[in-house]
Amino acid sequence: MKPASNPADKLLQSFRQNQIQFTRLMKRQAAHAKVLEHETFKLCSPYLSNMPTRLQVRSFPLGCKIKIDGELMPFRTPHTFNNLPPGQHVVELVYEDVNGKRSLRKTVQLVPNQRVVCKLHFKKPKTLATIG
């Protein structure tokens, strides 16, 4: 930049230089914040994996069998699971009635120290009209 001759131009030039310096500073701080966030996550992740999770499983109708990641649980809906490992899990509900056995699945993401609600609703099977 060439030097400004009048006071207004000097002020504008000074403002632009300060703006450029401020922008550079903000970029450096943002990059530093990302590194700090990553390092903090690495330090805290072993502790996060030990924090409790909470999964509430609900269904309509009530009393469905519950499978988590393919393993049949000794509970029926509604039920709340505490301390499942954090991460992705597949919840499957099995409903049996006179029309047979039906199942529904849903993938849930469990996060430490948070409650996740999994609601599954079985639709009534279509019935054929009888003529009589």
N, C-alpha and C. Protein backbone atom coordinates (compact mmCIF):
# COMPACT_ATOMS: atom_id res chain seq x y z
N MET A 1 0.84 -1.19 0.00
CA MET A 1 0.00 0.00 0.00
C MET A 1 0.88 1.24 0.00
N LYS A 2 0.45 2.23 -0.79
CA LYS A 2 1.20 3.49 -0.78
C LYS A 2 0.70 4.37 0.36
N PRO A 3 1.56 5.21 0.90
CA PRO A 3 1.16 6.06 2.02
C PRO A 3 0.04 7.01 1.63
N ALA A 4 -0.90 7.22 2.53
CA ALA A 4 -2.03 8.12 2.29
C ALA A 4 -1.62 9.56 2.57
N SER A 5 -2.23 10.50 1.81
CA SER A 5 -1.85 11.91 1.96
C SER A 5 -2.78 12.67 2.91
N ASN A 6 -4.07 12.48 2.83
CA ASN A 6 -4.96 13.24 3.72
C ASN A 6 -5.39 12.40 4.92
N PRO A 7 -5.89 13.01 5.98
CA PRO A 7 -6.23 12.29 7.21
C PRO A 7 -7.29 11.21 7.03
N ALA A 8 -8.28 11.45 6.17
CA ALA A 8 -9.34 10.45 5.97
C ALA A 8 -8.76 9.19 5.32
N ASP A 9 -7.89 9.38 4.33
CA ASP A 9 -7.25 8.23 3.68
C ASP A 9 -6.35 7.48 4.65
N LYS A 10 -5.64 8.25 5.50
CA LYS A 10 -4.77 7.61 6.50
C LYS A 10 -5.59 6.74 7.45
N LEU A 11 -6.73 7.28 7.87
CA LEU A 11 -7.60 6.54 8.78
C LEU A 11 -8.14 5.27 8.11
N LEU A 12 -8.56 5.41 6.85
CA LEU A 12 -9.08 4.26 6.11
C LEU A 12 -7.99 3.21 5.91
N GLN A 13 -6.78 3.65 5.57
CA GLN A 13 -5.66 2.73 5.38
C GLN A 13 -5.34 2.01 6.69
N SER A 14 -5.34 2.73 7.79
CA SER A 14 -5.07 2.14 9.10
C SER A 14 -6.15 1.11 9.45
N PHE A 15 -7.39 1.46 9.15
CA PHE A 15 -8.50 0.55 9.42
C PHE A 15 -8.33 -0.76 8.63
N ARG A 16 -7.98 -0.64 7.34
CA ARG A 16 -7.81 -1.84 6.50
C ARG A 16 -6.67 -2.71 7.02
N GLN A 17 -5.56 -2.08 7.43
CA GLN A 17 -4.43 -2.85 7.97
C GLN A 17 -4.84 -3.57 9.25
N ASN A 18 -5.57 -2.87 10.12
CA ASN A 18 -6.05 -3.50 11.35
C ASN A 18 -7.02 -4.64 11.05
N GLN A 19 -7.86 -4.44 10.04
CA GLN A 19 -8.81 -5.48 9.66
C GLN A 19 -8.07 -6.72 9.16
N ILE A 20 -7.04 -6.53 8.36
CA ILE A 20 -6.25 -7.66 7.85
C ILE A 20 -5.56 -8.38 9.00
N GLN A 21 -4.97 -7.62 9.93
CA GLN A 21 -4.31 -8.23 11.08
C GLN A 21 -5.31 -8.99 11.95
N PHE A 22 -6.49 -8.39 12.14
CA PHE A 22 -7.52 -9.04 12.94
C PHE A 22 -7.97 -10.35 12.29
N THR A 23 -8.16 -10.34 10.97
CA THR A 23 -8.57 -11.55 10.26
C THR A 23 -7.52 -12.65 10.40
N ARG A 24 -6.26 -12.29 10.26
CA ARG A 24 -5.18 -13.28 10.42
C ARG A 24 -5.17 -13.85 11.84
N LEU A 25 -5.35 -12.98 12.83
CA LEU A 25 -5.37 -13.42 14.22
C LEU A 25 -6.54 -14.38 14.46
N MET A 26 -7.70 -14.07 13.93
CA MET A 26 -8.88 -14.92 14.12
C MET A 26 -8.67 -16.30 13.47
N LYS A 27 -8.03 -16.32 12.30
CA LYS A 27 -7.74 -17.60 11.64
C LYS A 27 -6.79 -18.45 12.47
N ARG A 28 -5.77 -17.80 13.03
CA ARG A 28 -4.82 -18.54 13.89
C ARG A 28 -5.53 -19.07 15.13
N GLN A 29 -6.39 -18.25 15.74
CA GLN A 29 -7.11 -18.68 16.93
C GLN A 29 -8.07 -19.83 16.62
N ALA A 30 -8.73 -19.77 15.46
CA ALA A 30 -9.64 -20.84 15.07
C ALA A 30 -8.88 -22.15 14.87
N ALA A 31 -7.72 -22.07 14.23
CA ALA A 31 -6.90 -23.27 14.03
C ALA A 31 -6.44 -23.82 15.37
N HIS A 32 -6.04 -22.93 16.28
CA HIS A 32 -5.60 -23.35 17.61
C HIS A 32 -6.76 -24.00 18.37
N ALA A 33 -7.97 -23.44 18.24
CA ALA A 33 -9.14 -23.99 18.94
C ALA A 33 -9.45 -25.40 18.44
N LYS A 34 -9.29 -25.64 17.13
CA LYS A 34 -9.54 -26.99 16.59
C LYS A 34 -8.55 -27.99 17.17
N VAL A 35 -7.29 -27.61 17.23
CA VAL A 35 -6.27 -28.49 17.80
C VAL A 35 -6.58 -28.76 19.26
N LEU A 36 -6.95 -27.71 19.99
CA LEU A 36 -7.27 -27.86 21.41
C LEU A 36 -8.47 -28.78 21.61
N GLU A 37 -9.50 -28.62 20.78
CA GLU A 37 -10.70 -29.47 20.88
C GLU A 37 -10.34 -30.93 20.62
N HIS A 38 -9.51 -31.16 19.60
CA HIS A 38 -9.10 -32.53 19.28
C HIS A 38 -8.30 -33.15 20.42
N GLU A 39 -7.36 -32.39 20.96
CA GLU A 39 -6.53 -32.90 22.07
C GLU A 39 -7.38 -33.16 23.32
N THR A 40 -8.34 -32.28 23.59
CA THR A 40 -9.22 -32.46 24.75
C THR A 40 -10.04 -33.73 24.58
N PHE A 41 -10.56 -33.96 23.36
CA PHE A 41 -11.35 -35.16 23.11
C PHE A 41 -10.49 -36.41 23.32
N LYS A 42 -9.24 -36.38 22.82
CA LYS A 42 -8.36 -37.54 23.00
C LYS A 42 -8.11 -37.81 24.48
N LEU A 43 -7.93 -36.76 25.27
CA LEU A 43 -7.69 -36.93 26.70
C LEU A 43 -8.93 -37.44 27.43
N CYS A 44 -10.11 -36.99 27.02
CA CYS A 44 -11.34 -37.33 27.74
C CYS A 44 -12.00 -38.61 27.26
N SER A 45 -11.68 -39.10 26.07
CA SER A 45 -12.40 -40.25 25.51
C SER A 45 -12.36 -41.50 26.40
N PRO A 46 -11.25 -41.84 27.08
CA PRO A 46 -11.31 -43.01 27.96
C PRO A 46 -12.33 -42.84 29.09
N TYR A 47 -12.49 -41.62 29.57
CA TYR A 47 -13.44 -41.38 30.65
C TYR A 47 -14.87 -41.38 30.12
N LEU A 48 -15.07 -40.88 28.90
CA LEU A 48 -16.41 -40.86 28.31
C LEU A 48 -16.94 -42.27 28.10
N SER A 49 -16.07 -43.20 27.73
CA SER A 49 -16.53 -44.56 27.46
C SER A 49 -17.01 -45.24 28.74
N ASN A 50 -16.60 -44.75 29.90
CA ASN A 50 -17.04 -45.33 31.17
C ASN A 50 -18.28 -44.64 31.74
N MET A 51 -18.74 -43.58 31.09
CA MET A 51 -19.92 -42.89 31.59
C MET A 51 -21.17 -43.67 31.20
N PRO A 52 -22.21 -43.61 32.03
CA PRO A 52 -23.40 -44.42 31.78
C PRO A 52 -24.20 -43.92 30.58
N THR A 53 -24.83 -44.87 29.91
CA THR A 53 -25.78 -44.55 28.85
C THR A 53 -27.15 -45.03 29.33
N ARG A 54 -28.18 -44.52 28.69
CA ARG A 54 -29.53 -44.91 29.08
C ARG A 54 -30.37 -45.07 27.83
N LEU A 55 -30.97 -46.24 27.67
CA LEU A 55 -31.81 -46.52 26.51
C LEU A 55 -33.19 -46.94 27.00
N GLN A 56 -34.20 -46.17 26.62
CA GLN A 56 -35.58 -46.53 26.93
C GLN A 56 -36.18 -47.16 25.69
N VAL A 57 -36.74 -48.36 25.84
CA VAL A 57 -37.36 -49.05 24.72
C VAL A 57 -38.86 -49.11 25.00
N ARG A 58 -39.63 -48.55 24.08
CA ARG A 58 -41.09 -48.54 24.20
C ARG A 58 -41.69 -49.12 22.94
N SER A 59 -42.90 -49.66 23.09
CA SER A 59 -43.56 -50.21 21.91
C SER A 59 -45.07 -50.12 22.06
N PHE A 60 -45.73 -50.22 20.93
CA PHE A 60 -47.17 -50.45 20.91
C PHE A 60 -47.39 -51.62 19.99
N PRO A 61 -48.01 -52.65 20.47
CA PRO A 61 -48.50 -52.89 21.82
C PRO A 61 -47.36 -53.18 22.80
N LEU A 62 -47.69 -53.12 24.08
CA LEU A 62 -46.71 -53.41 25.13
C LEU A 62 -46.38 -54.90 25.15
N GLY A 63 -45.30 -55.25 25.82
CA GLY A 63 -44.96 -56.66 26.03
C GLY A 63 -44.18 -57.32 24.91
N CYS A 64 -43.56 -56.55 24.05
CA CYS A 64 -42.75 -57.13 22.97
C CYS A 64 -41.42 -57.63 23.52
N LYS A 65 -40.90 -58.69 22.91
CA LYS A 65 -39.57 -59.17 23.27
C LYS A 65 -38.54 -58.19 22.71
N ILE A 66 -37.43 -58.04 23.43
CA ILE A 66 -36.40 -57.06 23.05
C ILE A 66 -35.11 -57.79 22.70
N LYS A 67 -34.56 -57.45 21.53
CA LYS A 67 -33.22 -57.92 21.15
C LYS A 67 -32.35 -56.68 20.95
N ILE A 68 -31.14 -56.75 21.48
CA ILE A 68 -30.17 -55.67 21.25
C ILE A 68 -28.94 -56.29 20.61
N ASP A 69 -28.62 -55.80 19.43
CA ASP A 69 -27.50 -56.33 18.64
C ASP A 69 -27.64 -57.83 18.44
N GLY A 70 -28.88 -58.29 18.22
CA GLY A 70 -29.14 -59.70 17.95
C GLY A 70 -29.29 -60.58 19.17
N GLU A 71 -29.03 -60.05 20.35
CA GLU A 71 -29.10 -60.85 21.58
C GLU A 71 -30.44 -60.61 22.27
N LEU A 72 -31.17 -61.70 22.52
CA LEU A 72 -32.47 -61.61 23.19
C LEU A 72 -32.27 -61.24 24.65
N MET A 73 -32.95 -60.20 25.08
CA MET A 73 -32.86 -59.72 26.46
C MET A 73 -33.95 -60.39 27.30
N PRO A 74 -33.74 -60.52 28.60
CA PRO A 74 -34.75 -61.16 29.45
C PRO A 74 -35.86 -60.19 29.88
N PHE A 75 -36.09 -59.14 29.11
CA PHE A 75 -37.09 -58.13 29.46
C PHE A 75 -38.06 -57.96 28.30
N ARG A 76 -39.21 -57.38 28.61
CA ARG A 76 -40.19 -57.02 27.59
C ARG A 76 -40.47 -55.52 27.70
N THR A 77 -41.04 -54.99 26.64
CA THR A 77 -41.33 -53.55 26.62
C THR A 77 -42.49 -53.22 27.54
N PRO A 78 -42.45 -52.04 28.14
CA PRO A 78 -41.40 -51.02 28.12
C PRO A 78 -40.29 -51.36 29.10
N HIS A 79 -39.07 -51.00 28.75
CA HIS A 79 -37.93 -51.27 29.62
C HIS A 79 -36.86 -50.21 29.39
N THR A 80 -36.12 -49.89 30.47
CA THR A 80 -35.00 -48.95 30.38
C THR A 80 -33.71 -49.69 30.69
N PHE A 81 -32.77 -49.61 29.76
CA PHE A 81 -31.45 -50.21 29.93
C PHE A 81 -30.49 -49.12 30.39
N ASN A 82 -29.73 -49.42 31.42
CA ASN A 82 -28.70 -48.49 31.90
C ASN A 82 -27.33 -49.13 31.66
N ASN A 83 -26.37 -48.32 31.34
CA ASN A 83 -24.97 -48.75 31.20
C ASN A 83 -24.70 -49.68 30.03
N LEU A 84 -25.43 -49.53 28.93
CA LEU A 84 -25.02 -50.22 27.71
C LEU A 84 -23.80 -49.48 27.17
N PRO A 85 -22.94 -50.16 26.41
CA PRO A 85 -21.76 -49.45 25.89
C PRO A 85 -22.17 -48.33 24.93
N PRO A 86 -21.47 -47.20 24.97
CA PRO A 86 -21.77 -46.13 24.02
C PRO A 86 -21.51 -46.61 22.60
N GLY A 87 -22.19 -45.98 21.66
CA GLY A 87 -22.00 -46.32 20.25
C GLY A 87 -23.30 -46.73 19.61
N GLN A 88 -23.18 -47.32 18.42
CA GLN A 88 -24.35 -47.68 17.63
C GLN A 88 -24.83 -49.08 18.01
N HIS A 89 -26.14 -49.22 18.17
CA HIS A 89 -26.75 -50.50 18.52
C HIS A 89 -28.01 -50.70 17.68
N VAL A 90 -28.33 -51.97 17.42
CA VAL A 90 -29.56 -52.30 16.70
C VAL A 90 -30.55 -52.85 17.71
N VAL A 91 -31.70 -52.18 17.81
CA VAL A 91 -32.77 -52.62 18.71
C VAL A 91 -33.82 -53.30 17.84
N GLU A 92 -34.18 -54.52 18.21
CA GLU A 92 -35.21 -55.26 17.48
C GLU A 92 -36.29 -55.67 18.47
N LEU A 93 -37.53 -55.41 18.11
CA LEU A 93 -38.66 -55.83 18.93
C LEU A 93 -39.42 -56.91 18.19
N VAL A 94 -39.80 -57.95 18.94
CA VAL A 94 -40.54 -59.07 18.36
C VAL A 94 -41.91 -59.12 19.02
N TYR A 95 -42.95 -59.12 18.19
CA TYR A 95 -44.33 -59.16 18.68
C TYR A 95 -45.00 -60.41 18.12
N GLU A 96 -45.59 -61.17 19.01
CA GLU A 96 -46.29 -62.39 18.60
C GLU A 96 -47.76 -62.27 18.98
N ASP A 97 -48.64 -62.60 18.03
CA ASP A 97 -50.07 -62.67 18.31
C ASP A 97 -50.68 -63.77 17.47
N VAL A 98 -52.00 -63.80 17.36
CA VAL A 98 -52.66 -64.87 16.61
C VAL A 98 -52.31 -64.83 15.13
N ASN A 99 -51.87 -63.69 14.64
CA ASN A 99 -51.50 -63.56 13.23
C ASN A 99 -50.06 -63.99 12.96
N GLY A 100 -49.32 -64.36 14.00
CA GLY A 100 -47.94 -64.80 13.82
C GLY A 100 -46.95 -63.88 14.51
N LYS A 101 -45.71 -64.01 14.08
CA LYS A 101 -44.60 -63.26 14.69
C LYS A 101 -44.16 -62.16 13.73
N ARG A 102 -44.02 -60.96 14.28
CA ARG A 102 -43.55 -59.82 13.48
C ARG A 102 -42.42 -59.14 14.24
N SER A 103 -41.53 -58.49 13.52
CA SER A 103 -40.44 -57.79 14.19
C SER A 103 -40.17 -56.46 13.49
N LEU A 104 -39.67 -55.52 14.29
CA LEU A 104 -39.25 -54.21 13.79
C LEU A 104 -37.86 -53.92 14.33
N ARG A 105 -37.05 -53.23 13.53
CA ARG A 105 -35.68 -52.88 13.93
C ARG A 105 -35.47 -51.38 13.82
N LYS A 106 -34.59 -50.92 14.70
CA LYS A 106 -34.18 -49.51 14.64
C LYS A 106 -32.75 -49.42 15.14
N THR A 107 -31.94 -48.63 14.45
CA THR A 107 -30.56 -48.40 14.87
C THR A 107 -30.54 -47.13 15.72
N VAL A 108 -29.89 -47.22 16.88
CA VAL A 108 -29.79 -46.08 17.79
C VAL A 108 -28.33 -45.79 18.08
N GLN A 109 -28.04 -44.54 18.38
CA GLN A 109 -26.68 -44.11 18.75
C GLN A 109 -26.71 -43.72 20.22
N LEU A 110 -26.03 -44.49 21.07
CA LEU A 110 -25.99 -44.19 22.49
C LEU A 110 -24.79 -43.31 22.80
N VAL A 111 -25.06 -42.24 23.53
CA VAL A 111 -24.04 -41.26 23.88
C VAL A 111 -23.91 -41.25 25.40
N PRO A 112 -22.68 -41.20 25.92
CA PRO A 112 -22.50 -41.17 27.37
C PRO A 112 -23.28 -40.03 28.03
N ASN A 113 -23.86 -40.35 29.15
CA ASN A 113 -24.57 -39.37 29.98
C ASN A 113 -25.81 -38.79 29.31
N GLN A 114 -26.40 -39.52 28.36
CA GLN A 114 -27.63 -39.06 27.71
C GLN A 114 -28.63 -40.21 27.64
N ARG A 115 -29.91 -39.83 27.59
CA ARG A 115 -30.98 -40.82 27.48
C ARG A 115 -31.47 -40.84 26.04
N VAL A 116 -31.59 -42.03 25.49
CA VAL A 116 -32.12 -42.21 24.14
C VAL A 116 -33.41 -43.00 24.26
N VAL A 117 -34.45 -42.55 23.56
CA VAL A 117 -35.73 -43.25 23.58
C VAL A 117 -35.94 -43.90 22.22
N CYS A 118 -36.23 -45.19 22.24
CA CYS A 118 -36.50 -45.95 21.01
C CYS A 118 -37.97 -46.38 21.07
N LYS A 119 -38.80 -45.81 20.19
CA LYS A 119 -40.22 -46.15 20.15
C LYS A 119 -40.50 -46.86 18.83
N LEU A 120 -41.12 -48.02 18.93
CA LEU A 120 -41.52 -48.75 17.73
C LEU A 120 -43.00 -49.08 17.84
N HIS A 121 -43.72 -48.92 16.74
CA HIS A 121 -45.17 -49.08 16.72
C HIS A 121 -45.52 -50.13 15.66
N PHE A 122 -46.10 -51.22 16.10
CA PHE A 122 -46.54 -52.25 15.17
C PHE A 122 -47.91 -51.86 14.64
N LYS A 123 -48.06 -51.87 13.33
CA LYS A 123 -49.36 -51.56 12.73
C LYS A 123 -50.23 -52.81 12.78
N LYS A 124 -51.53 -52.59 12.87
CA LYS A 124 -52.45 -53.73 12.87
C LYS A 124 -52.41 -54.38 11.50
N PRO A 125 -52.39 -55.73 11.47
CA PRO A 125 -52.39 -56.39 10.16
C PRO A 125 -53.72 -56.18 9.46
N LYS A 126 -53.67 -56.12 8.14
CA LYS A 126 -54.91 -55.96 7.37
C LYS A 126 -55.70 -57.26 7.45
N THR A 127 -56.98 -57.12 7.70
CA THR A 127 -57.84 -58.32 7.77
C THR A 127 -58.75 -58.34 6.56
N LEU A 128 -59.07 -59.54 6.13
CA LEU A 128 -59.96 -59.70 4.99
C LEU A 128 -61.40 -59.67 5.49
N ALA A 129 -62.25 -59.01 4.75
CA ALA A 129 -63.67 -58.95 5.11
C ALA A 129 -64.32 -60.29 4.77
N THR A 130 -65.15 -60.77 5.66
CA THR A 130 -65.84 -62.04 5.39
C THR A 130 -67.23 -61.77 4.86
N ILE A 131 -67.62 -62.56 3.93
CA ILE A 131 -68.96 -62.42 3.34
C ILE A 131 -69.85 -63.47 4.00
N GLY A 132 -70.97 -63.06 4.51
CA GLY A 132 -71.77 -64.07 5.19
C GLY A 132 -73.15 -63.70 5.43
